[in-house]
Structure formats: structure tokens, C-alpha cells
Protein backbone atom coordinates (compact mmCIF):
# COMPACT_ATOMS: atom_id res chain seq x y z
CA MET A 1 -1.01 31.31 13.37
CA THR A 2 -1.44 29.59 10.03
CA THR A 3 -4.92 27.24 10.35
CA ARG A 4 -5.79 24.51 8.17
CA ARG A 5 -8.70 26.25 6.59
CA ALA A 6 -6.29 29.13 5.64
CA PHE A 7 -3.53 27.04 4.74
CA LEU A 8 -5.85 24.75 2.31
CA ALA A 9 -7.43 28.05 0.85
CA GLY A 10 -3.76 28.80 -0.03
CA LEU A 11 -3.20 25.55 -1.39
CA GLY A 12 -6.15 25.98 -3.63
CA ALA A 13 -5.31 29.14 -5.00
CA ALA A 14 -1.71 27.38 -5.81
CA CYS A 15 -3.50 24.70 -7.48
CA ALA A 16 -4.69 26.82 -10.49
CA ALA A 17 -0.57 26.82 -11.34
CA PRO A 18 1.11 23.33 -11.62
CA LEU A 19 1.53 22.35 -8.35
CA LEU A 20 5.13 22.41 -6.89
CA PRO A 21 6.92 21.53 -3.74
CA SER A 22 7.31 24.38 -1.11
CA VAL A 23 10.99 24.28 -1.50
CA LEU A 24 10.57 25.14 -5.06
CA ARG A 25 8.37 27.98 -4.15
CA ALA A 26 10.35 29.65 -1.93
CA ASP A 27 13.04 32.56 -3.10
CA ALA A 28 16.27 31.60 -4.56
CA ALA A 29 18.17 32.27 -1.39
CA ASN A 30 16.35 30.87 1.20
CA THR A 31 14.24 27.31 1.66
CA VAL A 32 10.88 26.85 4.16
CA LEU A 33 10.22 23.40 4.34
CA THR A 34 6.88 22.85 5.83
CA ALA A 35 6.32 19.92 8.70
CA THR A 36 2.96 18.53 10.01
CA ASP A 37 2.14 16.48 13.15
CA VAL A 38 -0.82 15.58 14.84
CA HIS A 39 0.64 15.58 18.16
CA VAL A 40 0.99 18.69 20.91
CA ALA A 41 3.62 20.87 20.93
CA ASP A 42 6.06 19.37 23.25
CA TYR A 43 5.20 15.88 22.07
CA PRO A 44 8.57 14.08 21.45
CA THR A 45 8.12 13.75 17.71
CA VAL A 46 6.95 17.55 17.44
CA ASN A 47 10.36 18.47 19.13
CA ALA A 48 12.54 15.93 17.39
CA VAL A 49 11.31 17.53 14.12
CA LYS A 50 12.10 21.17 15.59
CA TRP A 51 15.29 19.93 16.36
CA ILE A 52 15.98 18.78 12.66
CA GLY A 53 14.96 22.41 11.73
CA GLU A 54 17.01 24.29 14.48
CA THR A 55 20.05 21.87 13.29
CA MET A 56 19.31 22.56 9.53
CA GLU A 57 18.77 26.54 9.77
CA ARG A 58 22.24 26.73 12.01
CA GLU A 59 24.42 24.15 9.46
CA THR A 60 22.96 26.00 6.25
CA LYS A 61 23.73 29.60 8.35
CA GLY A 62 19.74 30.18 7.87
CA ARG A 63 19.15 29.02 4.08
CA VAL A 64 17.36 26.15 5.22
CA ARG A 65 14.77 26.46 7.69
CA LEU A 66 11.66 24.67 8.92
CA ARG A 67 8.05 25.54 9.51
CA GLN A 68 6.34 23.29 11.84
CA TYR A 69 2.44 22.74 12.16
CA HIS A 70 1.89 20.61 15.13
CA SER A 71 -1.49 19.45 16.93
CA GLY A 72 -3.48 18.68 13.90
CA GLN A 73 -3.38 22.16 12.42
CA LEU A 74 -3.54 21.10 8.94
CA GLY A 75 -5.36 18.13 9.27
CA ARG A 76 -5.40 14.31 10.21
CA GLU A 77 -2.81 12.05 9.31
CA SER A 78 -4.02 10.58 6.35
CA GLU A 79 -4.88 13.96 4.84
CA ALA A 80 -1.06 14.74 5.41
CA ILE A 81 0.09 11.69 3.84
CA ASP A 82 -1.54 12.72 0.86
CA MET A 83 -0.71 16.42 0.85
CA ALA A 84 3.44 15.19 1.22
CA ARG A 85 2.92 12.76 -1.60
CA PHE A 86 1.36 15.70 -3.91
CA GLY A 87 4.12 18.25 -2.73
CA ALA A 88 1.66 20.13 -0.42
CA ILE A 89 3.54 19.99 2.34
CA ASP A 90 7.12 18.54 2.93
CA MET A 91 7.44 16.67 5.99
CA THR A 92 4.95 14.64 8.28
CA ARG A 93 5.32 12.39 11.10
CA VAL A 94 2.79 9.52 10.84
CA TYR A 95 2.08 6.59 13.22
CA ALA A 96 2.96 3.36 11.42
CA GLY A 97 -0.70 1.94 11.38
CA ALA A 98 -2.25 4.67 9.36
CA LEU A 99 0.42 3.61 6.61
CA ASN A 100 0.00 0.00 6.70
CA ASN A 101 -3.11 -0.12 3.93
CA ALA A 102 -1.27 1.46 1.69
CA PHE A 103 2.57 0.38 2.51
CA PRO A 104 1.87 -3.17 3.50
CA LEU A 105 5.47 -3.64 4.90
CA THR A 106 4.69 -0.99 7.95
CA THR A 107 2.59 -3.65 9.26
CA ALA A 108 5.56 -5.70 10.26
CA LEU A 109 6.16 -3.24 12.51
CA CYS A 110 2.81 -3.42 13.99
CA LEU A 111 2.05 -6.72 14.22
CA PRO A 112 0.88 -8.15 17.69
CA TYR A 113 3.53 -9.11 20.00
CA ALA A 114 6.30 -8.59 16.99
CA PHE A 115 8.45 -6.79 19.41
CA ASP A 116 9.00 -8.24 23.18
CA SER A 117 9.93 -4.60 24.55
CA VAL A 118 11.26 -1.73 23.97
CA ALA A 119 15.04 -2.91 24.14
CA HIS A 120 13.97 -4.93 21.44
CA MET A 121 12.28 -3.04 19.27
CA ARG A 122 15.26 -0.41 19.52
CA HIS A 123 17.83 -2.94 18.60
CA ALA A 124 15.81 -4.39 15.66
CA LEU A 125 15.16 -0.72 14.13
CA ASP A 126 19.06 0.26 14.30
CA SER A 127 20.13 -3.23 13.02
CA GLY A 128 18.60 -2.77 9.63
CA VAL A 129 14.60 -3.10 9.93
CA ALA A 130 14.00 0.48 10.01
CA GLN A 131 15.59 1.28 6.87
CA ALA A 132 14.34 -1.96 5.09
CA VAL A 133 10.99 -0.08 5.54
CA LEU A 134 12.12 3.40 4.88
CA ASP A 135 13.36 1.95 1.37
CA GLY A 136 9.67 1.14 0.75
CA PHE A 137 7.97 4.15 0.52
CA ALA A 138 10.19 5.60 -2.78
CA THR A 139 7.43 3.59 -4.85
CA ARG A 140 4.53 6.34 -3.88
CA ASP A 141 6.02 9.67 -3.94
CA LEU A 142 7.41 9.87 -0.43
CA VAL A 143 11.26 9.30 1.29
CA GLY A 144 11.35 7.54 4.63
CA LEU A 145 13.62 9.77 7.12
CA ALA A 146 13.22 7.75 10.16
CA VAL A 147 11.53 5.82 12.41
CA TYR A 148 10.59 6.97 15.72
CA ASP A 149 9.39 4.22 18.14
CA SER A 150 6.80 5.22 20.39
CA GLY A 151 6.63 2.71 23.43
CA ALA A 152 3.91 -0.13 24.32
CA ARG A 153 0.54 0.26 22.68
CA CYS A 154 -1.90 -0.78 25.46
CA PHE A 155 -5.63 -0.90 26.38
CA TYR A 156 -7.62 1.72 27.77
CA ASN A 157 -11.47 2.22 28.42
CA THR A 158 -14.07 4.07 30.62
CA ARG A 159 -15.62 0.82 32.08
CA HIS A 160 -13.54 -1.57 33.73
CA PRO A 161 -9.93 -3.02 33.82
CA ILE A 162 -9.16 -5.75 31.25
CA VAL A 163 -7.33 -8.64 32.41
CA THR A 164 -8.04 -11.20 29.57
CA PRO A 165 -9.27 -10.80 26.25
CA LYS A 166 -12.74 -11.68 26.91
CA ASP A 167 -12.50 -8.85 29.12
CA LEU A 168 -12.57 -6.79 25.84
CA HIS A 169 -15.83 -8.28 24.55
CA GLY A 170 -18.59 -5.94 23.45
CA LEU A 171 -16.60 -3.02 24.31
CA LYS A 172 -16.49 -0.15 21.26
CA LEU A 173 -12.61 0.69 20.86
CA ARG A 174 -11.27 3.33 18.81
CA VAL A 175 -8.48 2.12 16.27
CA ALA A 176 -6.26 3.64 13.89
CA SER A 177 -7.39 3.09 9.72
CA SER A 178 -5.67 0.06 9.61
CA ASP A 179 -7.00 -3.60 8.34
CA MET A 180 -4.50 -5.38 10.68
CA PHE A 181 -5.80 -3.43 13.77
CA ILE A 182 -9.10 -3.46 12.87
CA ASP A 183 -9.12 -7.46 12.77
CA LEU A 184 -7.11 -7.63 15.50
CA VAL A 185 -9.40 -5.56 18.00
CA ARG A 186 -12.41 -7.67 16.20
CA LEU A 187 -10.63 -10.75 16.87
CA LEU A 188 -9.92 -10.40 20.28
CA GLY A 189 -13.58 -9.86 20.82
CA ALA A 190 -14.39 -5.95 20.95
CA ASN A 191 -16.08 -3.79 18.05
CA PRO A 192 -13.09 -1.63 16.52
CA THR A 193 -14.43 1.57 15.25
CA PRO A 194 -12.03 3.70 12.91
CA MET A 195 -11.66 6.94 14.08
CA SER A 196 -8.73 10.26 14.34
CA LEU A 197 -7.13 10.62 17.15
CA GLY A 198 -8.62 14.05 17.50
CA ASP A 199 -12.11 12.74 17.93
CA THR A 200 -11.41 10.02 20.19
CA PHE A 201 -11.79 12.17 23.68
CA SER A 202 -15.28 13.07 22.31
CA GLY A 203 -16.03 9.66 21.43
CA MET A 204 -15.43 8.36 24.85
CA GLU A 205 -17.28 11.45 26.48
CA THR A 206 -20.56 10.71 24.20
CA HIS A 207 -20.48 7.05 24.76
CA MET A 208 -20.09 6.79 20.76
CA ILE A 209 -17.24 4.36 21.89
CA ASP A 210 -15.85 2.66 25.45
CA GLY A 211 -12.02 3.06 25.35
CA ALA A 212 -8.64 2.82 22.74
CA GLU A 213 -5.47 1.41 22.22
CA ASN A 214 -2.49 3.63 22.33
CA ASN A 215 0.78 4.52 24.12
CA MET A 216 1.13 6.32 27.48
CA ARG A 217 2.46 9.42 26.28
CA SER A 218 -0.71 9.94 23.67
CA PHE A 219 -2.79 8.73 26.30
CA HIS A 220 -1.27 11.64 28.41
CA SER A 221 -0.82 14.42 25.82
CA SER A 222 -4.54 13.82 24.33
CA ARG A 223 -6.34 14.13 27.54
CA HIS A 224 -7.82 11.03 27.23
CA PHE A 225 -7.24 9.97 31.08
CA GLU A 226 -10.07 12.57 31.84
CA ALA A 227 -12.57 10.31 30.20
CA ALA A 228 -11.03 6.94 30.30
CA HIS A 229 -10.06 5.63 33.91
CA TYR A 230 -8.92 2.14 33.20
CA TRP A 231 -5.38 1.46 31.67
CA SER A 232 -4.29 -2.03 30.97
CA GLN A 233 -0.72 -3.01 30.05
CA SER A 234 -1.47 -5.18 27.16
CA GLU A 235 1.52 -4.52 25.38
CA HIS A 236 -0.08 -5.73 22.25
CA SER A 237 2.11 -3.62 20.00
CA TYR A 238 4.76 -1.35 19.92
CA ALA A 239 4.18 0.27 16.59
CA PRO A 240 6.50 3.31 15.59
CA ASP A 241 6.04 6.17 14.15
CA ILE A 242 7.77 7.21 10.56
CA LEU A 243 9.19 10.60 9.31
CA LEU A 244 8.40 10.92 5.53
CA ILE A 245 9.19 13.59 3.19
CA SER A 246 7.95 14.35 -0.22
CA ARG A 247 9.97 12.90 -2.86
CA ARG A 248 9.77 15.84 -4.78
CA SER A 249 10.82 18.14 -2.14
CA LEU A 250 13.79 16.22 -1.14
CA GLU A 251 14.83 16.14 -4.89
CA ALA A 252 14.40 19.81 -5.12
CA LEU A 253 16.91 20.74 -2.47
CA ARG A 254 20.51 21.38 -3.49
CA PRO A 255 22.48 17.85 -3.30
CA GLY A 256 24.46 19.37 -0.13
CA ASP A 257 21.08 20.21 1.56
CA ARG A 258 19.87 17.01 0.54
CA ASP A 259 22.38 15.09 2.30
CA LEU A 260 22.35 17.12 5.34
CA LEU A 261 18.82 17.04 6.18
CA ILE A 262 18.81 12.77 5.61
CA ASP A 263 21.59 12.85 8.12
CA THR A 264 20.17 14.76 10.74
CA ALA A 265 16.91 13.14 10.32
CA ARG A 266 18.92 10.04 11.09
CA ALA A 267 20.46 11.88 13.95
CA SER A 268 17.41 13.13 15.35
CA VAL A 269 16.38 9.36 16.17
CA PRO A 270 18.60 8.90 19.74
CA VAL A 271 17.39 12.78 20.41
CA MET A 272 13.87 11.87 20.05
CA ARG A 273 14.29 8.64 21.94
CA ARG A 274 15.87 10.50 24.88
CA MET A 275 12.94 13.06 25.08
CA TRP A 276 10.37 10.16 24.69
CA ASP A 277 11.72 8.27 27.87
CA GLU A 278 12.02 11.13 29.97
CA SER A 279 8.15 12.43 29.34
CA GLU A 280 6.99 9.06 29.36
CA GLY A 281 7.52 8.37 32.93
CA ALA A 282 6.58 12.05 33.52
CA ALA A 283 2.87 11.23 32.06
CA ARG A 284 2.44 7.79 33.66
CA GLN A 285 2.52 9.49 37.02
CA SER A 286 0.66 12.50 35.84
CA VAL A 287 -2.24 9.95 34.54
CA ALA A 288 -1.96 8.17 38.05
CA ASP A 289 -1.95 11.13 40.21
CA ASP A 290 -5.27 11.97 38.22
CA GLY A 291 -6.99 8.66 39.53
CA VAL A 292 -6.31 6.31 36.28
CA ALA A 293 -6.54 2.75 37.71
CA PHE A 294 -3.50 0.23 35.97
CA ASN A 295 -3.59 -3.33 35.73
CA ASP A 296 -1.20 -6.52 34.36
CA VAL A 297 -2.87 -8.47 31.74
CA ASP A 298 -2.96 -12.28 31.29
CA MET A 299 0.15 -11.93 28.26
CA ASP A 300 0.24 -15.54 27.31
CA ALA A 301 -3.87 -15.35 26.85
CA PHE A 302 -3.53 -12.23 24.77
CA ARG A 303 -0.69 -13.51 22.84
CA THR A 304 -2.53 -16.98 22.16
CA ALA A 305 -5.62 -14.71 20.88
CA ALA A 306 -3.68 -12.74 18.52
CA GLN A 307 -2.02 -15.62 17.16
CA PRO A 308 -4.34 -15.92 13.82
CA ILE A 309 -3.62 -12.47 12.99
CA ARG A 310 0.05 -13.08 12.49
CA ASP A 311 -0.52 -16.31 11.15
CA ARG A 312 -2.60 -14.52 8.11
CA TYR A 313 -0.32 -11.65 7.55
CA LEU A 314 2.64 -13.70 7.65
CA GLN A 315 1.41 -15.30 4.87
CA GLN A 316 2.83 -12.85 2.85
CA PRO A 317 6.66 -13.44 1.98
CA ASP A 318 7.84 -10.08 2.41
CA LEU A 319 6.24 -9.63 5.92
CA GLN A 320 7.56 -13.14 6.86
CA ALA A 321 10.96 -12.37 5.84
CA LEU A 322 10.83 -9.08 8.00
CA TYR A 323 9.22 -10.55 11.01
CA ARG A 324 11.86 -13.28 11.32
CA ARG A 325 14.23 -10.44 11.07
CA ILE A 326 12.66 -8.86 14.15
CA ARG A 327 12.30 -12.10 15.97
CA ASP A 328 15.99 -13.21 15.45
CA LEU A 329 17.10 -10.04 17.11
CA ALA A 330 14.90 -10.49 20.11
């Protein structure tokens, strides 16, 4: 297995020469695309990208293949974004919140209570909202291939149930490195602590933090339920995941292969959704069997408390226009 250290060591050696996308470093007859994800091997986004690779290999008769590095083997999402921008890797799946600061339009997908449900989110994404966000990546040497929805984000912690925002007061909660999520958690009364997903479990075990916010599937696959026994169904964000490819890697492909990859990535969205739906219920049952306590929250209280965040970010005309499209499709 290629480790992050070995990969980066090889990358360092390669940097002695002009940096080329990996598709150009492949031999003339075959192309091997590299893809990264911080999630574990059986996570729906990992399997969706695996499906893309299998489809590409089948349709090109083995000429274009994909090599995956899951479980954060090549580092955190922020590192993967930079490696894709500069062509050190080809593809990466990234949580939209990690993209908010560099790509502000993604914030519209993450705003608190922008979406009412999974059905609303999927309808909006499929009605042009996803493509509007994907089109915005071209200015930073990236190409958006697909938006993978990832369920409702909720709060979980090691101390007590959260029913109203006041129950968050004083809690130290892990958040993604997104100004919007940091602002939201602080506004709700908790102490936001930016931290990678991989460091969150040890953070809760050592009492550096009291909890986090994430979707059910990640709560289960990261085994955070072993430390945090209180899950509160706040559904405060439906922030999705985004599949990106290095622009130079995409442009280095043959035109037919380029079109095939774009079409296959789009076709992977319903594939990923089916896998998500199948696994989310199983994850919820598994953590319940392990003793996690579930509770509903006062949704009206949370929506009211989060309103200033929406008001502030929607002063940006581009965000406001996309947000209005989302709400009109509710």
C-alpha cells in the first residue's frame, strides 16, 4: 500500500522536474488517474468514485484506470484540494464546508436551514443548483465533476442532549475550517474548534472537545459514537460533498476520454445516492445498538437562532441569487 509519506516523497522527487499532471506521467498507451478521499473504503463517496473508475476502465478497454487512496492516506481534505489544484493528484472528493472560504459560492449549499429535507436538496441540486456551483471552480485550476449529497448534519456530544440552542452553551465543538460554520457554532453559543475529521475522535477522548457536527454516516464510519453518546437531530445543514478534478489533468486526457469521464461522473450521482440511502439507516441502527441516545430538537428555536448567519452571508449578491433558487424549489 502506498502511504502518504511515500507518495509525498515521490512527489518531492518529481518536483525537481516541471510538475505535470499524473495523466501526463502515465505511458502513452495507458492513463492512471489518482483519486483521494478521507473517508473509509466502504463509504458511499469512495464507492461512487470506485464505480467511476470501473466504468472508465471497462469503456476504454483498460486504457484509462483509476487508483484510489481512501481513509486519508494522502492527507487531509485541505491538502488534497491543493494537490489537485497543482496537478499532484487528479481527483478528490471534498466536503463542501472545506471549500467555503476559497470558493464562496459553495456556502449557499451549506447555509443553515437552506434545505428542508433530503428530497428538497436533491431536487434543487438536480434542477441546476449543482451545476451553478460546479461551474465556479474553473477559476482556480479545478473542474467540478459532481455534487454528492450527504444527508443532514446534526450535533453530537459527550455530555448531554441538545434540545434548544442554549444547550450548546459552553460546549467545545469540532467544526470544519469554514468561516460560516465557525460563525454558526459560535452564534449558537458553543465554542467552535476547527479540526480535521481524523483528529476528532481523539479530541473527544482526551476532552479537548466535547463533540462535533456531522452526518449520521460519518458519525458511524469515524466511530465517533464510541466517544459521543448523545445525538441531537438538529438538521442544521445539508452541506454536500463535491468531486473535483485538476483542470490540467482533465485537459490532458484525449477529448473522447474527457467527455466520458465528465458523463460518468454525472452518472455516478444516483449511484452514490442509492448507496447512501442503503447505508445511512444501517449506520443509525448500529449506533443505536451501541447505546447512543437520540433526541429531537426545537427546530423553530434553531432556525431563529441561525437567522443572523443567513442574513449576513446573503448580503453577497451571488449567494443570495443561488439561495433564492434553492428556496424557490422547496
